Amino acid sequence: MNNEIVPGFDDDKDDSLKIRLQNFQNISGCLALYLTGYIDTYNSNNFQKRVSKAIDAGFIKLIFHCGGLNYVSSTGIGSFTAFLKAVKPRGGDIVLLEIQPKVYEVFQLLGFSQFFNIKDSLDEAVSFFNKAEDSVKGEIFPKIFKCPICSKKLKATKAGRFRCSECKSILVIDNNGQVSLG
């Protein structure tokens, strides 16, 4: 079934992490990945390889349904960060859904919870991507946003690199108004 959506996706199946794919016809490049099991040092390479096949197939709006994910190591969180770095330059993004409290704790402890769009339901995730498509049509700058490190309110008049006036972190804002650490 998965191979029909992303050719070769199930070639490297791993029982420690089951992934079921769901395609969204109404949002271009959007894919939901239902994760069941765990992501650790031993299976994260396999996880990255499989999701990279989906990204290479043109899916750049990824919704990770984490309700069945009972453990994620720091290496696993590194995988999500790699996906974010792969899809952002292509105009994509990542949404994480239904993260179990003990898994969310790892994201928070490592300081990654503010980099990911975390939603409560599939409907919220889908509307996030619908809004993102609508906002690309509108004006982005000037953009007011919070620094991902210290939460200071900042304003960007155009895309580029700059330094937070409060914590001095180097930030990058792209042409779509997405903020990341520089």
Protein backbone atom coordinates (compact mmCIF):
# COMPACT_ATOMS: atom_id res chain seq x y z
CA MET A 1 0.00 0.00 0.00
CA ASN A 2 2.75 2.51 0.98
CA ASN A 3 4.70 1.67 -2.19
CA GLU A 4 1.75 2.91 -4.27
CA ILE A 5 2.13 6.37 -2.71
CA VAL A 6 5.95 6.45 -2.52
CA PRO A 7 7.70 3.91 -4.79
CA GLY A 8 10.09 1.68 -2.81
CA PHE A 9 8.96 3.03 0.58
CA ASP A 10 8.42 -0.40 2.13
CA ASP A 11 11.61 -1.94 0.68
CA ASP A 12 13.45 -1.30 3.97
CA LYS A 13 10.71 -2.18 6.47
CA ASP A 14 11.68 -2.40 10.13
CA ASP A 15 9.46 -4.01 12.79
CA SER A 16 10.67 -1.61 15.52
CA LEU A 17 9.03 1.31 13.67
CA LYS A 18 5.96 0.78 11.53
CA ILE A 19 4.97 3.59 9.15
CA ARG A 20 1.66 3.91 7.33
CA LEU A 21 1.28 6.61 4.69
CA GLN A 22 -1.75 8.71 3.83
CA ASN A 23 -1.83 10.98 0.79
CA PHE A 24 -3.85 14.24 0.61
CA GLN A 25 -5.08 14.92 -2.92
CA ASN A 26 -6.34 18.43 -2.05
CA ILE A 27 -2.97 19.73 -0.78
CA SER A 28 -0.06 19.39 -3.17
CA GLY A 29 2.98 17.62 -1.71
CA CYS A 30 1.26 16.75 1.58
CA LEU A 31 1.75 13.35 3.22
CA ALA A 32 0.78 11.97 6.64
CA LEU A 33 3.07 9.37 8.20
CA TYR A 34 1.51 7.32 11.01
CA LEU A 35 4.36 6.15 13.26
CA THR A 36 4.03 3.14 15.56
CA GLY A 37 6.90 1.87 17.71
CA TYR A 38 10.05 3.75 18.62
CA ILE A 39 12.95 5.68 17.06
CA ASP A 40 16.41 5.15 18.52
CA THR A 41 20.07 5.09 17.49
CA TYR A 42 19.68 1.71 15.81
CA ASN A 43 16.68 2.35 13.58
CA SER A 44 16.94 6.12 12.94
CA ASN A 45 19.04 5.63 9.78
CA ASN A 46 16.36 3.37 8.34
CA PHE A 47 13.69 5.91 9.36
CA GLN A 48 15.61 8.73 7.65
CA LYS A 49 16.16 6.66 4.50
CA ARG A 50 12.46 5.83 4.17
CA VAL A 51 11.21 9.38 4.80
CA SER A 52 13.85 10.76 2.43
CA LYS A 53 12.28 8.62 -0.32
CA ALA A 54 8.99 10.43 0.34
CA ILE A 55 10.71 13.85 0.23
CA ASP A 56 12.51 12.90 -3.00
CA ALA A 57 9.13 11.85 -4.43
CA GLY A 58 7.94 15.47 -3.93
CA PHE A 59 6.26 15.27 -0.54
CA ILE A 60 7.48 18.38 1.28
CA LYS A 61 4.53 18.98 3.62
CA LEU A 62 4.91 16.17 6.13
CA ILE A 63 2.50 15.37 8.95
CA PHE A 64 4.02 12.94 11.45
CA HIS A 65 1.24 11.28 13.46
CA CYS A 66 3.11 10.35 16.66
CA GLY A 67 0.26 8.85 18.72
CA GLY A 68 1.73 5.34 18.40
CA LEU A 69 5.31 6.47 19.00
CA ASN A 70 6.31 5.46 22.52
CA TYR A 71 10.00 6.47 22.50
CA VAL A 72 12.26 8.85 20.58
CA SER A 73 15.96 9.18 21.37
CA SER A 74 17.97 12.32 20.68
CA THR A 75 19.14 10.63 17.45
CA GLY A 76 15.48 10.24 16.45
CA ILE A 77 14.85 13.92 17.07
CA GLY A 78 17.89 14.59 14.89
CA SER A 79 16.04 12.74 12.11
CA PHE A 80 13.07 15.12 12.37
CA THR A 81 15.49 18.06 12.25
CA ALA A 82 17.09 16.62 9.10
CA PHE A 83 13.64 16.34 7.48
CA LEU A 84 12.89 19.95 8.39
CA LYS A 85 16.18 21.07 6.79
CA ALA A 86 15.33 19.04 3.66
CA VAL A 87 11.80 20.40 3.14
CA LYS A 88 12.10 24.07 4.24
CA PRO A 89 14.22 25.23 1.26
CA ARG A 90 11.63 23.64 -1.06
CA GLY A 91 8.78 25.58 0.56
CA GLY A 92 7.67 22.68 2.77
CA ASP A 93 7.29 22.14 6.48
CA ILE A 94 6.68 19.52 9.14
CA VAL A 95 3.82 19.11 11.60
CA LEU A 96 3.95 16.71 14.54
CA LEU A 97 0.67 15.34 15.92
CA GLU A 98 -0.43 13.64 19.12
CA ILE A 99 3.01 13.44 20.71
CA GLN A 100 2.91 11.35 23.89
CA PRO A 101 3.99 13.29 27.01
CA LYS A 102 7.22 11.33 27.60
CA VAL A 103 8.23 11.79 23.94
CA TYR A 104 7.36 15.51 24.03
CA GLU A 105 9.56 15.83 27.12
CA VAL A 106 12.59 14.75 25.07
CA PHE A 107 11.80 17.41 22.46
CA GLN A 108 11.55 20.02 25.21
CA LEU A 109 14.69 18.92 27.08
CA LEU A 110 16.72 19.17 23.89
CA GLY A 111 15.20 22.57 23.08
CA PHE A 112 13.55 21.44 19.85
CA SER A 113 9.88 21.90 20.76
CA GLN A 114 9.88 25.48 19.40
CA PHE A 115 11.26 24.48 15.99
CA PHE A 116 8.43 22.14 15.12
CA ASN A 117 4.78 22.86 14.43
CA ILE A 118 3.00 20.74 16.99
CA LYS A 119 -0.75 20.29 16.50
CA ASP A 120 -3.45 18.32 18.32
CA SER A 121 -5.38 16.88 15.38
CA LEU A 122 -5.11 15.93 11.73
CA ASP A 123 -7.63 18.67 10.88
CA GLU A 124 -5.39 21.29 12.52
CA ALA A 125 -2.37 19.99 10.59
CA VAL A 126 -4.22 20.04 7.27
CA SER A 127 -5.54 23.57 7.89
CA PHE A 128 -1.98 24.66 8.83
CA PHE A 129 -0.81 23.63 5.35
CA ASN A 130 -3.89 25.17 3.70
CA LYS A 131 -3.17 28.47 5.49
CA ALA A 132 0.49 28.25 4.48
CA GLU A 133 -0.56 27.97 0.82
CA ASP A 134 -2.91 30.96 1.23
CA SER A 135 -0.29 33.12 2.99
CA VAL A 136 2.25 32.59 0.20
CA LYS A 137 -0.21 34.42 -2.05
CA GLY A 138 -0.37 37.39 0.38
CA GLU A 139 2.32 39.79 1.55
CA ILE A 140 4.83 38.33 4.03
CA PHE A 141 6.98 41.32 5.00
CA PRO A 142 7.15 43.15 7.28
CA LYS A 143 6.81 40.13 9.57
CA ILE A 144 6.52 40.23 13.35
CA PHE A 145 7.58 37.05 15.14
CA LYS A 146 9.13 35.76 18.36
CA CYS A 147 12.78 34.75 18.66
CA PRO A 148 12.85 30.93 18.91
CA ILE A 149 15.43 31.15 21.72
CA CYS A 150 14.33 33.95 24.06
CA SER A 151 10.81 34.72 22.74
CA LYS A 152 11.58 38.44 22.24
CA LYS A 153 9.17 40.01 19.76
CA LEU A 154 11.08 40.94 16.59
CA LYS A 155 10.27 42.51 13.23
CA ALA A 156 11.83 41.64 9.88
CA THR A 157 11.37 43.91 6.88
CA LYS A 158 12.89 41.46 4.40
CA ALA A 159 14.40 37.97 4.12
CA GLY A 160 17.97 37.47 5.35
CA ARG A 161 20.22 36.84 8.36
CA PHE A 162 20.12 38.98 11.47
CA ARG A 163 20.83 38.93 15.20
CA CYS A 164 18.20 38.93 17.96
CA SER A 165 18.46 42.21 19.88
CA GLU A 166 17.87 40.40 23.20
CA CYS A 167 19.81 37.12 23.25
CA LYS A 168 22.13 37.82 20.26
CA SER A 169 21.20 34.54 18.51
CA ILE A 170 21.76 34.59 14.76
CA LEU A 171 18.48 34.03 12.94
CA VAL A 172 17.57 33.47 9.31
CA ILE A 173 14.23 34.41 7.80
CA ASP A 174 13.48 33.04 4.33
CA ASN A 175 11.34 34.50 1.55
CA ASN A 176 8.31 32.62 2.93
CA GLY A 177 8.75 34.27 6.34
CA GLN A 178 9.99 31.07 8.04
CA VAL A 179 12.43 31.71 10.89
CA SER A 180 15.28 29.38 11.78
CA LEU A 181 18.59 29.53 13.60
CA GLY A 182 21.44 30.75 11.42
